[in-house]
């Protein structure tokens, strides 16, 4: 691989390419494949990389969003479970109070 700088004659912008050489067996000649990697800033002389094209690579953190969703779902289910438990305890107290009233009425009737 080689780095090649090319200047446009009309504008004077210097483009930077990455060149890969290979042998073309059909034409029996050396050929090169070039990829644009950026351009040179005329003020600083440093290379400015061009934007990446093509499909975006998946982030390694992609699983963390799924993990965050699962943790949020777990928290929601735990809260719902606690609410149901509190409701059950409250209803059991009401049943016990009604049973006490029922037994008192049964004693009065007899």
PDB file of N, CA and C in Angstrom:
ATOM      1  N   UNK A   1       0.842  -1.171   0.000  1.00  0.00           N
ATOM      2  CA  UNK A   1       0.000   0.000   0.000  1.00  0.00           C
ATOM      3  C   UNK A   1       0.890   1.238   0.000  1.00  0.00           C
ATOM      4  N   UNK A   2       0.418   2.212  -0.712  1.00  0.00           N
ATOM      5  CA  UNK A   2       1.155   3.466  -0.786  1.00  0.00           C
ATOM      6  C   UNK A   2       0.176   4.619  -0.631  1.00  0.00           C
ATOM      7  N   UNK A   3       0.687   5.736  -0.173  1.00  0.00           N
ATOM      8  CA  UNK A   3      -0.100   6.955  -0.061  1.00  0.00           C
ATOM      9  C   UNK A   3       0.299   7.858  -1.226  1.00  0.00           C
ATOM     10  N   UNK A   4      -0.697   8.297  -1.989  1.00  0.00           N
ATOM     11  CA  UNK A   4      -0.446   9.120  -3.168  1.00  0.00           C
ATOM     12  C   UNK A   4      -1.168  10.447  -2.999  1.00  0.00           C
ATOM     13  N   UNK A   5      -0.482  11.540  -3.352  1.00  0.00           N
ATOM     14  CA  UNK A   5      -1.091  12.866  -3.313  1.00  0.00           C
ATOM     15  C   UNK A   5      -1.266  13.337  -4.748  1.00  0.00           C
ATOM     16  N   UNK A   6      -2.475  13.794  -5.073  1.00  0.00           N
ATOM     17  CA  UNK A   6      -2.774  14.295  -6.423  1.00  0.00           C
ATOM     18  C   UNK A   6      -3.345  15.699  -6.298  1.00  0.00           C
ATOM     19  N   UNK A   7      -2.891  16.605  -7.152  1.00  0.00           N
ATOM     20  CA  UNK A   7      -3.370  17.982  -7.146  1.00  0.00           C
ATOM     21  C   UNK A   7      -4.284  18.203  -8.339  1.00  0.00           C
ATOM     22  N   UNK A   8      -5.436  18.832  -8.089  1.00  0.00           N
ATOM     23  CA  UNK A   8      -6.309  19.197  -9.209  1.00  0.00           C
ATOM     24  C   UNK A   8      -5.752  20.465  -9.837  1.00  0.00           C
ATOM     25  N   UNK A   9      -5.654  20.477 -11.144  1.00  0.00           N
ATOM     26  CA  UNK A   9      -5.049  21.620 -11.829  1.00  0.00           C
ATOM     27  C   UNK A   9      -5.951  22.845 -11.803  1.00  0.00           C
ATOM     28  N   UNK A  10      -7.265  22.637 -11.857  1.00  0.00           N
ATOM     29  CA  UNK A  10      -8.174  23.779 -11.935  1.00  0.00           C
ATOM     30  C   UNK A  10      -8.340  24.482 -10.596  1.00  0.00           C
ATOM     31  N   UNK A  11      -8.471  23.725  -9.515  1.00  0.00           N
ATOM     32  CA  UNK A  11      -8.759  24.316  -8.210  1.00  0.00           C
ATOM     33  C   UNK A  11      -7.510  24.366  -7.336  1.00  0.00           C
ATOM     34  N   UNK A  12      -6.635  23.407  -7.494  1.00  0.00           N
ATOM     35  CA  UNK A  12      -5.419  23.365  -6.699  1.00  0.00           C
ATOM     36  C   UNK A  12      -5.564  22.616  -5.391  1.00  0.00           C
ATOM     37  N   UNK A  13      -6.622  21.829  -5.240  1.00  0.00           N
ATOM     38  CA  UNK A  13      -6.817  21.033  -4.027  1.00  0.00           C
ATOM     39  C   UNK A  13      -5.970  19.773  -4.136  1.00  0.00           C
ATOM     40  N   UNK A  14      -5.307  19.422  -3.040  1.00  0.00           N
ATOM     41  CA  UNK A  14      -4.485  18.211  -3.011  1.00  0.00           C
ATOM     42  C   UNK A  14      -5.291  17.111  -2.336  1.00  0.00           C
ATOM     43  N   UNK A  15      -5.577  16.054  -3.084  1.00  0.00           N
ATOM     44  CA  UNK A  15      -6.302  14.901  -2.564  1.00  0.00           C
ATOM     45  C   UNK A  15      -5.315  13.805  -2.203  1.00  0.00           C
ATOM     46  N   UNK A  16      -5.640  13.043  -1.157  1.00  0.00           N
ATOM     47  CA  UNK A  16      -4.778  11.959  -0.688  1.00  0.00           C
ATOM     48  C   UNK A  16      -5.496  10.640  -0.941  1.00  0.00           C
ATOM     49  N   UNK A  17      -4.783   9.721  -1.602  1.00  0.00           N
ATOM     50  CA  UNK A  17      -5.337   8.420  -1.952  1.00  0.00           C
ATOM     51  C   UNK A  17      -4.494   7.319  -1.327  1.00  0.00           C
ATOM     52  N   UNK A  18      -5.152   6.207  -1.051  1.00  0.00           N
ATOM     53  CA  UNK A  18      -4.462   4.988  -0.642  1.00  0.00           C
ATOM     54  C   UNK A  18      -4.460   4.086  -1.867  1.00  0.00           C
ATOM     55  N   UNK A  19      -3.278   3.691  -2.315  1.00  0.00           N
ATOM     56  CA  UNK A  19      -3.159   2.928  -3.552  1.00  0.00           C
ATOM     57  C   UNK A  19      -2.707   1.503  -3.242  1.00  0.00           C
ATOM     58  N   UNK A  20      -3.401   0.530  -3.832  1.00  0.00           N
ATOM     59  CA  UNK A  20      -3.033  -0.882  -3.697  1.00  0.00           C
ATOM     60  C   UNK A  20      -2.717  -1.409  -5.089  1.00  0.00           C
ATOM     61  N   UNK A  21      -1.532  -1.933  -5.257  1.00  0.00           N
ATOM     62  CA  UNK A  21      -1.127  -2.467  -6.560  1.00  0.00           C
ATOM     63  C   UNK A  21      -1.427  -3.950  -6.630  1.00  0.00           C
ATOM     64  N   UNK A  22      -1.800  -4.411  -7.839  1.00  0.00           N
ATOM     65  CA  UNK A  22      -2.054  -5.829  -8.056  1.00  0.00           C
ATOM     66  C   UNK A  22      -1.731  -6.157  -9.504  1.00  0.00           C
ATOM     67  N   UNK A  23      -1.583  -7.436  -9.793  1.00  0.00           N
ATOM     68  CA  UNK A  23      -1.266  -7.905 -11.135  1.00  0.00           C
ATOM     69  C   UNK A  23      -2.542  -8.350 -11.828  1.00  0.00           C
ATOM     70  N   UNK A  24      -2.808  -7.766 -13.010  1.00  0.00           N
ATOM     71  CA  UNK A  24      -3.958  -8.134 -13.822  1.00  0.00           C
ATOM     72  C   UNK A  24      -3.496  -9.215 -14.780  1.00  0.00           C
ATOM     73  N   UNK A  25      -3.923 -10.460 -14.544  1.00  0.00           N
ATOM     74  CA  UNK A  25      -3.439 -11.583 -15.357  1.00  0.00           C
ATOM     75  C   UNK A  25      -4.020 -11.565 -16.767  1.00  0.00           C
ATOM     76  N   UNK A  26      -5.197 -10.978 -16.963  1.00  0.00           N
ATOM     77  CA  UNK A  26      -5.775 -10.909 -18.311  1.00  0.00           C
ATOM     78  C   UNK A  26      -4.964  -9.988 -19.213  1.00  0.00           C
ATOM     79  N   UNK A  27      -4.646  -8.815 -18.718  1.00  0.00           N
ATOM     80  CA  UNK A  27      -3.907  -7.842 -19.522  1.00  0.00           C
ATOM     81  C   UNK A  27      -2.402  -7.960 -19.330  1.00  0.00           C
ATOM     82  N   UNK A  28      -2.010  -8.798 -18.383  1.00  0.00           N
ATOM     83  CA  UNK A  28      -0.607  -9.007 -18.038  1.00  0.00           C
ATOM     84  C   UNK A  28       0.087  -7.680 -17.762  1.00  0.00           C
ATOM     85  N   UNK A  29      -0.552  -6.896 -16.905  1.00  0.00           N
ATOM     86  CA  UNK A  29      -0.016  -5.599 -16.507  1.00  0.00           C
ATOM     87  C   UNK A  29      -0.260  -5.378 -15.015  1.00  0.00           C
ATOM     88  N   UNK A  30       0.568  -4.536 -14.444  1.00  0.00           N
ATOM     89  CA  UNK A  30       0.347  -4.124 -13.060  1.00  0.00           C
ATOM     90  C   UNK A  30      -0.740  -3.054 -13.049  1.00  0.00           C
ATOM     91  N   UNK A  31      -1.645  -3.184 -12.155  1.00  0.00           N
ATOM     92  CA  UNK A  31      -2.736  -2.219 -12.009  1.00  0.00           C
ATOM     93  C   UNK A  31      -2.756  -1.731 -10.559  1.00  0.00           C
ATOM     94  N   UNK A  32      -3.474  -0.638 -10.338  1.00  0.00           N
ATOM     95  CA  UNK A  32      -3.600  -0.147  -8.961  1.00  0.00           C
ATOM     96  C   UNK A  32      -5.043   0.245  -8.681  1.00  0.00           C
ATOM     97  N   UNK A  33      -5.422   0.016  -7.470  1.00  0.00           N
ATOM     98  CA  UNK A  33      -6.757   0.388  -6.996  1.00  0.00           C
ATOM     99  C   UNK A  33      -6.548   1.499  -5.990  1.00  0.00           C
ATOM    100  N   UNK A  34      -7.228   2.633  -6.196  1.00  0.00           N
ATOM    101  CA  UNK A  34      -7.058   3.784  -5.313  1.00  0.00           C
ATOM    102  C   UNK A  34      -8.357   4.091  -4.571  1.00  0.00           C
ATOM    103  N   UNK A  35      -8.189   4.424  -3.311  1.00  0.00           N
ATOM    104  CA  UNK A  35      -9.313   4.849  -2.475  1.00  0.00           C
ATOM    105  C   UNK A  35      -8.994   6.224  -1.912  1.00  0.00           C
ATOM    106  N   UNK A  36      -9.926   7.161  -2.052  1.00  0.00           N
ATOM    107  CA  UNK A  36      -9.749   8.499  -1.504  1.00  0.00           C
ATOM    108  C   UNK A  36      -9.845   8.423   0.015  1.00  0.00           C
ATOM    109  N   UNK A  37      -8.822   8.956   0.694  1.00  0.00           N
ATOM    110  CA  UNK A  37      -8.856   8.931   2.156  1.00  0.00           C
ATOM    111  C   UNK A  37      -8.945  10.331   2.751  1.00  0.00           C
ATOM    112  N   UNK A  38      -8.780  11.373   1.920  1.00  0.00           N
ATOM    113  CA  UNK A  38      -8.922  12.729   2.446  1.00  0.00           C
ATOM    114  C   UNK A  38      -8.307  13.756   1.524  1.00  0.00           C
ATOM    115  N   UNK A  39      -8.123  14.972   2.057  1.00  0.00           N
ATOM    116  CA  UNK A  39      -7.457  16.029   1.302  1.00  0.00           C
ATOM    117  C   UNK A  39      -6.571  16.819   2.249  1.00  0.00           C
ATOM    118  N   UNK A  40      -5.631  17.566   1.676  1.00  0.00           N
ATOM    119  CA  UNK A  40      -4.676  18.335   2.463  1.00  0.00           C
ATOM    120  C   UNK A  40      -5.237  19.737   2.694  1.00  0.00           C
ATOM    121  N   UNK A  41      -5.194  20.171   3.959  1.00  0.00           N
ATOM    122  CA  UNK A  41      -5.618  21.529   4.293  1.00  0.00           C
ATOM    123  C   UNK A  41      -4.516  22.489   3.848  1.00  0.00           C
ATOM    124  N   UNK A  42      -4.827  23.478   2.987  1.00  0.00           N
ATOM    125  CA  UNK A  42      -3.781  24.363   2.474  1.00  0.00           C
ATOM    126  C   UNK A  42      -3.153  25.249   3.556  1.00  0.00           C
ATOM    127  N   UNK A  43      -3.880  25.560   4.614  1.00  0.00           N
ATOM    128  CA  UNK A  43      -3.344  26.436   5.655  1.00  0.00           C
ATOM    129  C   UNK A  43      -2.399  25.702   6.594  1.00  0.00           C
ATOM    130  N   UNK A  44      -2.820  24.535   7.065  1.00  0.00           N
ATOM    131  CA  UNK A  44      -2.018  23.809   8.048  1.00  0.00           C
ATOM    132  C   UNK A  44      -1.128  22.754   7.419  1.00  0.00           C
ATOM    133  N   UNK A  45      -1.482  22.273   6.246  1.00  0.00           N
ATOM    134  CA  UNK A  45      -0.701  21.214   5.605  1.00  0.00           C
ATOM    135  C   UNK A  45      -1.035  19.831   6.139  1.00  0.00           C
ATOM    136  N   UNK A  46      -2.032  19.738   6.999  1.00  0.00           N
ATOM    137  CA  UNK A  46      -2.428  18.443   7.555  1.00  0.00           C
ATOM    138  C   UNK A  46      -3.544  17.837   6.717  1.00  0.00           C
ATOM    139  N   UNK A  47      -3.641  16.507   6.790  1.00  0.00           N
ATOM    140  CA  UNK A  47      -4.676  15.809   6.039  1.00  0.00           C
ATOM    141  C   UNK A  47      -6.010  15.886   6.778  1.00  0.00           C
ATOM    142  N   UNK A  48      -7.069  16.173   6.022  1.00  0.00           N
ATOM    143  CA  UNK A  48      -8.433  16.169   6.553  1.00  0.00           C
ATOM    144  C   UNK A  48      -9.098  14.906   6.019  1.00  0.00           C
ATOM    145  N   UNK A  49      -9.403  13.925   6.875  1.00  0.00           N
ATOM    146  CA  UNK A  49     -10.011  12.688   6.374  1.00  0.00           C
ATOM    147  C   UNK A  49     -11.412  12.939   5.837  1.00  0.00           C
ATOM    148  N   UNK A  50     -11.758  12.196   4.791  1.00  0.00           N
ATOM    149  CA  UNK A  50     -13.114  12.317   4.249  1.00  0.00           C
ATOM    150  C   UNK A  50     -14.058  11.478   5.091  1.00  0.00           C
ATOM    151  N   UNK A  51     -15.351  11.735   4.964  1.00  0.00           N
ATOM    152  CA  UNK A  51     -16.349  10.986   5.724  1.00  0.00           C
ATOM    153  C   UNK A  51     -16.403   9.549   5.253  1.00  0.00           C
ATOM    154  N   UNK A  52     -16.732   8.676   6.136  1.00  0.00           N
ATOM    155  CA  UNK A  52     -16.840   7.257   5.794  1.00  0.00           C
ATOM    156  C   UNK A  52     -18.134   7.025   5.048  1.00  0.00           C
ATOM    157  N   UNK A  53     -18.064   6.254   3.985  1.00  0.00           N
ATOM    158  CA  UNK A  53     -19.247   5.953   3.195  1.00  0.00           C
ATOM    159  C   UNK A  53     -19.582   4.481   3.331  1.00  0.00           C
ATOM    160  N   UNK A  54     -20.796   4.154   2.965  1.00  0.00           N
ATOM    161  CA  UNK A  54     -21.226   2.765   3.023  1.00  0.00           C
ATOM    162  C   UNK A  54     -22.027   2.505   4.274  1.00  0.00           C
ATOM    163  N   UNK A  55     -22.384   1.251   4.472  1.00  0.00           N
ATOM    164  CA  UNK A  55     -23.209   0.917   5.634  1.00  0.00           C
ATOM    165  C   UNK A  55     -22.439   1.149   6.930  1.00  0.00           C
ATOM    166  N   UNK A  56     -23.141   1.661   7.915  1.00  0.00           N
ATOM    167  CA  UNK A  56     -22.530   1.925   9.205  1.00  0.00           C
ATOM    168  C   UNK A  56     -22.228   0.613   9.913  1.00  0.00           C
ATOM    169  N   UNK A  57     -21.067   0.541  10.528  1.00  0.00           N
ATOM    170  CA  UNK A  57     -20.714  -0.646  11.293  1.00  0.00           C
ATOM    171  C   UNK A  57     -21.498  -0.641  12.593  1.00  0.00           C
ATOM    172  N   UNK A  58     -21.870  -1.821  13.038  1.00  0.00           N
ATOM    173  CA  UNK A  58     -22.617  -1.928  14.284  1.00  0.00           C
ATOM    174  C   UNK A  58     -21.686  -1.615  15.439  1.00  0.00           C
ATOM    175  N   UNK A  59     -22.224  -0.877  16.385  1.00  0.00           N
ATOM    176  CA  UNK A  59     -21.446  -0.529  17.555  1.00  0.00           C
ATOM    177  C   UNK A  59     -21.305  -1.750  18.448  1.00  0.00           C
ATOM    178  N   UNK A  60     -20.197  -1.782  19.181  1.00  0.00           N
ATOM    179  CA  UNK A  60     -20.016  -2.866  20.147  1.00  0.00           C
ATOM    180  C   UNK A  60     -20.991  -2.691  21.302  1.00  0.00           C
ATOM    181  N   UNK A  61     -21.450  -1.452  21.489  1.00  0.00           N
ATOM    182  CA  UNK A  61     -22.394  -1.167  22.562  1.00  0.00           C
ATOM    183  C   UNK A  61     -23.819  -1.501  22.165  1.00  0.00           C
ATOM    184  N   UNK A  62     -24.034  -2.052  20.975  1.00  0.00           N
ATOM    185  CA  UNK A  62     -25.379  -2.372  20.518  1.00  0.00           C
ATOM    186  C   UNK A  62     -26.103  -3.285  21.473  1.00  0.00           C
ATOM    187  N   UNK A  63     -25.366  -4.188  22.120  1.00  0.00           N
ATOM    188  CA  UNK A  63     -25.996  -5.080  23.080  1.00  0.00           C
ATOM    189  C   UNK A  63     -26.384  -4.330  24.350  1.00  0.00           C
ATOM    190  N   UNK A  64     -25.694  -3.213  24.625  1.00  0.00           N
ATOM    191  CA  UNK A  64     -26.017  -2.490  25.853  1.00  0.00           C
ATOM    192  C   UNK A  64     -27.406  -1.868  25.781  1.00  0.00           C
ATOM    193  N   UNK A  65     -27.831  -1.449  24.581  1.00  0.00           N
ATOM    194  CA  UNK A  65     -29.179  -0.899  24.484  1.00  0.00           C
ATOM    195  C   UNK A  65     -30.212  -1.988  24.745  1.00  0.00           C
ATOM    196  N   UNK A  66     -29.962  -3.185  24.242  1.00  0.00           N
ATOM    197  CA  UNK A  66     -30.861  -4.302  24.525  1.00  0.00           C
ATOM    198  C   UNK A  66     -30.811  -4.632  26.012  1.00  0.00           C
ATOM    199  N   UNK A  67     -29.623  -4.551  26.571  1.00  0.00           N
ATOM    200  CA  UNK A  67     -29.462  -4.819  27.999  1.00  0.00           C
ATOM    201  C   UNK A  67     -30.203  -3.767  28.823  1.00  0.00           C
ATOM    202  N   UNK A  68     -30.116  -2.505  28.394  1.00  0.00           N
ATOM    203  CA  UNK A  68     -30.823  -1.437  29.100  1.00  0.00           C
ATOM    204  C   UNK A  68     -32.329  -1.644  29.032  1.00  0.00           C
ATOM    205  N   UNK A  69     -32.823  -2.081  27.867  1.00  0.00           N
ATOM    206  CA  UNK A  69     -34.260  -2.342  27.736  1.00  0.00           C
ATOM    207  C   UNK A  69     -34.689  -3.466  28.666  1.00  0.00           C
ATOM    208  N   UNK A  70     -33.869  -4.514  28.741  1.00  0.00           N
ATOM    209  CA  UNK A  70     -34.205  -5.630  29.624  1.00  0.00           C
ATOM    210  C   UNK A  70     -34.187  -5.203  31.089  1.00  0.00           C
ATOM    211  N   UNK A  71     -33.214  -4.371  31.460  1.00  0.00           N
ATOM    212  CA  UNK A  71     -33.157  -3.894  32.844  1.00  0.00           C
ATOM    213  C   UNK A  71     -34.360  -3.012  33.174  1.00  0.00           C
ATOM    214  N   UNK A  72     -34.776  -2.190  32.224  1.00  0.00           N
ATOM    215  CA  UNK A  72     -35.959  -1.351  32.440  1.00  0.00           C
ATOM    216  C   UNK A  72     -37.204  -2.217  32.578  1.00  0.00           C
ATOM    217  N   UNK A  73     -37.311  -3.246  31.743  1.00  0.00           N
ATOM    218  CA  UNK A  73     -38.456  -4.164  31.827  1.00  0.00           C
ATOM    219  C   UNK A  73     -38.447  -4.905  33.163  1.00  0.00           C
ATOM    220  N   UNK A  74     -37.263  -5.316  33.612  1.00  0.00           N
ATOM    221  CA  UNK A  74     -37.144  -6.000  34.897  1.00  0.00           C
ATOM    222  C   UNK A  74     -37.592  -5.087  36.035  1.00  0.00           C
ATOM    223  N   UNK A  75     -37.177  -3.825  36.011  1.00  0.00           N
ATOM    224  CA  UNK A  75     -37.579  -2.877  37.052  1.00  0.00           C
ATOM    225  C   UNK A  75     -39.089  -2.678  37.040  1.00  0.00           C
ATOM    226  N   UNK A  76     -39.673  -2.589  35.839  1.00  0.00           N
ATOM    227  CA  UNK A  76     -41.123  -2.406  35.728  1.00  0.00           C
ATOM    228  C   UNK A  76     -41.863  -3.612  36.301  1.00  0.00           C
ATOM    229  N   UNK A  77     -41.388  -4.817  35.974  1.00  0.00           N
ATOM    230  CA  UNK A  77     -42.042  -6.036  36.457  1.00  0.00           C
ATOM    231  C   UNK A  77     -41.888  -6.160  37.973  1.00  0.00           C
ATOM    232  N   UNK A  78     -40.720  -5.781  38.504  1.00  0.00           N
ATOM    233  CA  UNK A  78     -40.526  -5.828  39.955  1.00  0.00           C
ATOM    234  C   UNK A  78     -41.487  -4.875  40.661  1.00  0.00           C
ATOM    235  N   UNK A  79     -41.661  -3.665  40.104  1.00  0.00           N
ATOM    236  CA  UNK A  79     -42.586  -2.702  40.702  1.00  0.00           C
ATOM    237  C   UNK A  79     -44.012  -3.233  40.647  1.00  0.00           C
ATOM    238  N   UNK A  80     -44.383  -3.802  39.506  1.00  0.00           N
ATOM    239  CA  UNK A  80     -45.726  -4.371  39.364  1.00  0.00           C
ATOM    240  C   UNK A  80     -45.934  -5.509  40.363  1.00  0.00           C
ATOM    241  N   UNK A  81     -44.909  -6.335  40.550  1.00  0.00           N
ATOM    242  CA  UNK A  81     -44.974  -7.440  41.503  1.00  0.00           C
ATOM    243  C   UNK A  81     -45.166  -6.911  42.928  1.00  0.00           C
ATOM    244  N   UNK A  82     -44.436  -5.851  43.272  1.00  0.00           N
ATOM    245  CA  UNK A  82     -44.560  -5.272  44.608  1.00  0.00           C
ATOM    246  C   UNK A  82     -45.959  -4.689  44.810  1.00  0.00           C
ATOM    247  N   UNK A  83     -46.492  -4.018  43.791  1.00  0.00           N
ATOM    248  CA  UNK A  83     -47.852  -3.468  43.884  1.00  0.00           C
ATOM    249  C   UNK A  83     -48.877  -4.583  44.081  1.00  0.00           C
ATOM    250  N   UNK A  84     -48.732  -5.677  43.346  1.00  0.00           N
ATOM    251  CA  UNK A  84     -49.653  -6.816  43.479  1.00  0.00           C
ATOM    252  C   UNK A  84     -49.550  -7.421  44.881  1.00  0.00           C
ATOM    253  N   UNK A  85     -48.324  -7.524  45.391  1.00  0.00           N
ATOM    254  CA  UNK A  85     -48.125  -8.075  46.732  1.00  0.00           C
ATOM    255  C   UNK A  85     -48.813  -7.189  47.782  1.00  0.00           C
ATOM    256  N   UNK A  86     -48.666  -5.867  47.652  1.00  0.00           N
ATOM    257  CA  UNK A  86     -49.305  -4.947  48.593  1.00  0.00           C
ATOM    258  C   UNK A  86     -50.828  -5.066  48.514  1.00  0.00           C
ATOM    259  N   UNK A  87     -51.365  -5.235  47.310  1.00  0.00           N
ATOM    260  CA  UNK A  87     -52.805  -5.401  47.130  1.00  0.00           C
ATOM    261  C   UNK A  87     -53.280  -6.690  47.799  1.00  0.00           C
ATOM    262  N   UNK A  88     -52.517  -7.773  47.647  1.00  0.00           N
ATOM    263  CA  UNK A  88     -52.882  -9.053  48.265  1.00  0.00           C
ATOM    264  C   UNK A  88     -52.906  -8.923  49.784  1.00  0.00           C
ATOM    265  N   UNK A  89     -51.891  -8.278  50.360  1.00  0.00           N
ATOM    266  CA  UNK A  89     -51.836  -8.098  51.816  1.00  0.00           C
ATOM    267  C   UNK A  89     -53.031  -7.276  52.288  1.00  0.00           C
ATOM    268  N   UNK A  90     -53.355  -6.207  51.560  1.00  0.00           N
ATOM    269  CA  UNK A  90     -54.496  -5.355  51.917  1.00  0.00           C
ATOM    270  C   UNK A  90     -55.805  -6.144  51.860  1.00  0.00           C
ATOM    271  N   UNK A  91     -55.990  -6.939  50.813  1.00  0.00           N
ATOM    272  CA  UNK A  91     -57.215  -7.735  50.678  1.00  0.00           C
ATOM    273  C   UNK A  91     -57.302  -8.812  51.756  1.00  0.00           C
ATOM    274  N   UNK A  92     -56.175  -9.403  52.136  1.00  0.00           N
ATOM    275  CA  UNK A  92     -56.185 -10.402  53.205  1.00  0.00           C
ATOM    276  C   UNK A  92     -56.618  -9.775  54.529  1.00  0.00           C
ATOM    277  N   UNK A  93     -56.174  -8.533  54.779  1.00  0.00           N
ATOM    278  CA  UNK A  93     -56.596  -7.843  56.004  1.00  0.00           C
ATOM    279  C   UNK A  93     -58.100  -7.579  55.986  1.00  0.00           C
ATOM    280  N   UNK A  94     -58.612  -7.187  54.813  1.00  0.00           N
ATOM    281  CA  UNK A  94     -60.054  -6.943  54.701  1.00  0.00           C
ATOM    282  C   UNK A  94     -60.837  -8.229  54.904  1.00  0.00           C
ATOM    283  N   UNK A  95     -60.348  -9.346  54.350  1.00  0.00           N
ATOM    284  CA  UNK A  95     -61.021 -10.643  54.526  1.00  0.00           C
ATOM    285  C   UNK A  95     -61.036 -11.026  55.999  1.00  0.00           C
ATOM    286  N   UNK A  96     -59.915 -10.824  56.674  1.00  0.00           N
ATOM    287  CA  UNK A  96     -59.841 -11.159  58.098  1.00  0.00           C
ATOM    288  C   UNK A  96     -60.825 -10.302  58.905  1.00  0.00           C
ATOM    289  N   UNK A  97     -60.925  -9.017  58.584  1.00  0.00           N
ATOM    290  CA  UNK A  97     -61.868  -8.134  59.289  1.00  0.00           C
ATOM    291  C   UNK A  97     -63.304  -8.572  59.035  1.00  0.00           C
ATOM    292  N   UNK A  98     -63.628  -8.939  57.792  1.00  0.00           N
ATOM    293  CA  UNK A  98     -64.984  -9.405  57.473  1.00  0.00           C
ATOM    294  C   UNK A  98     -65.284 -10.734  58.162  1.00  0.00           C
ATOM    295  N   UNK A  99     -64.315 -11.622  58.247  1.00  0.00           N
ATOM    296  CA  UNK A  99     -64.520 -12.890  58.955  1.00  0.00           C
ATOM    297  C   UNK A  99     -64.793 -12.640  60.437  1.00  0.00           C
ATOM    298  N   UNK A 100     -64.084 -11.675  61.030  1.00  0.00           N
ATOM    299  CA  UNK A 100     -64.335 -11.333  62.438  1.00  0.00           C
ATOM    300  C   UNK A 100     -65.755 -10.801  62.624  1.00  0.00           C
ATOM    301  N   UNK A 101     -66.177  -9.915  61.698  1.00  0.00           N
ATOM    302  CA  UNK A 101     -67.545  -9.385  61.781  1.00  0.00           C
ATOM    303  C   UNK A 101     -68.563 -10.508  61.613  1.00  0.00           C
ATOM    304  N   UNK A 102     -68.301 -11.419  60.697  1.00  0.00           N
ATOM    305  CA  UNK A 102     -69.204 -12.537  60.438  1.00  0.00           C
ATOM    306  C   UNK A 102     -69.320 -13.435  61.666  1.00  0.00           C
ATOM    307  N   UNK A 103     -68.196 -13.708  62.309  1.00  0.00           N
ATOM    308  CA  UNK A 103     -68.253 -14.573  63.500  1.00  0.00           C
ATOM    309  C   UNK A 103     -68.989 -13.876  64.650  1.00  0.00           C
ATOM    310  N   UNK A 104     -68.846 -12.547  64.774  1.00  0.00           N
ATOM    311  CA  UNK A 104     -69.572 -11.804  65.812  1.00  0.00           C
ATOM    312  C   UNK A 104     -71.076 -11.852  65.553  1.00  0.00           C
ATOM    313  N   UNK A 105     -71.479 -11.719  64.304  1.00  0.00           N
ATOM    314  CA  UNK A 105     -72.900 -11.792  63.961  1.00  0.00           C
ATOM    315  C   UNK A 105     -73.448 -13.195  64.213  1.00  0.00           C
ATOM    316  N   UNK A 106     -72.644 -14.200  63.938  1.00  0.00           N
ATOM    317  CA  UNK A 106     -73.088 -15.581  64.168  1.00  0.00           C
ATOM    318  C   UNK A 106     -73.299 -15.827  65.659  1.00  0.00           C
ATOM    319  N   UNK A 107     -72.454 -15.237  66.487  1.00  0.00           N
ATOM    320  CA  UNK A 107     -72.591 -15.399  67.940  1.00  0.00           C
ATOM    321  C   UNK A 107     -73.855 -14.687  68.421  1.00  0.00           C
ATOM    322  N   UNK A 108     -74.137 -13.495  67.902  1.00  0.00           N
ATOM    323  CA  UNK A 108     -75.319 -12.734  68.311  1.00  0.00           C
ATOM    324  C   UNK A 108     -76.611 -13.434  67.899  1.00  0.00           C
ATOM    325  N   UNK A 109     -76.628 -14.081  66.749  1.00  0.00           N
ATOM    326  CA  UNK A 109     -77.828 -14.755  66.266  1.00  0.00           C
ATOM    327  C   UNK A 109     -78.121 -16.022  67.062  1.00  0.00           C
ATOM    328  N   UNK A 110     -77.138 -16.640  67.600  1.00  0.00           N
ATOM    329  CA  UNK A 110     -77.399 -17.892  68.307  1.00  0.00           C
ATOM    330  C   UNK A 110     -77.720 -17.705  69.741  1.00  0.00           C
TER     331      UNK A 110
END
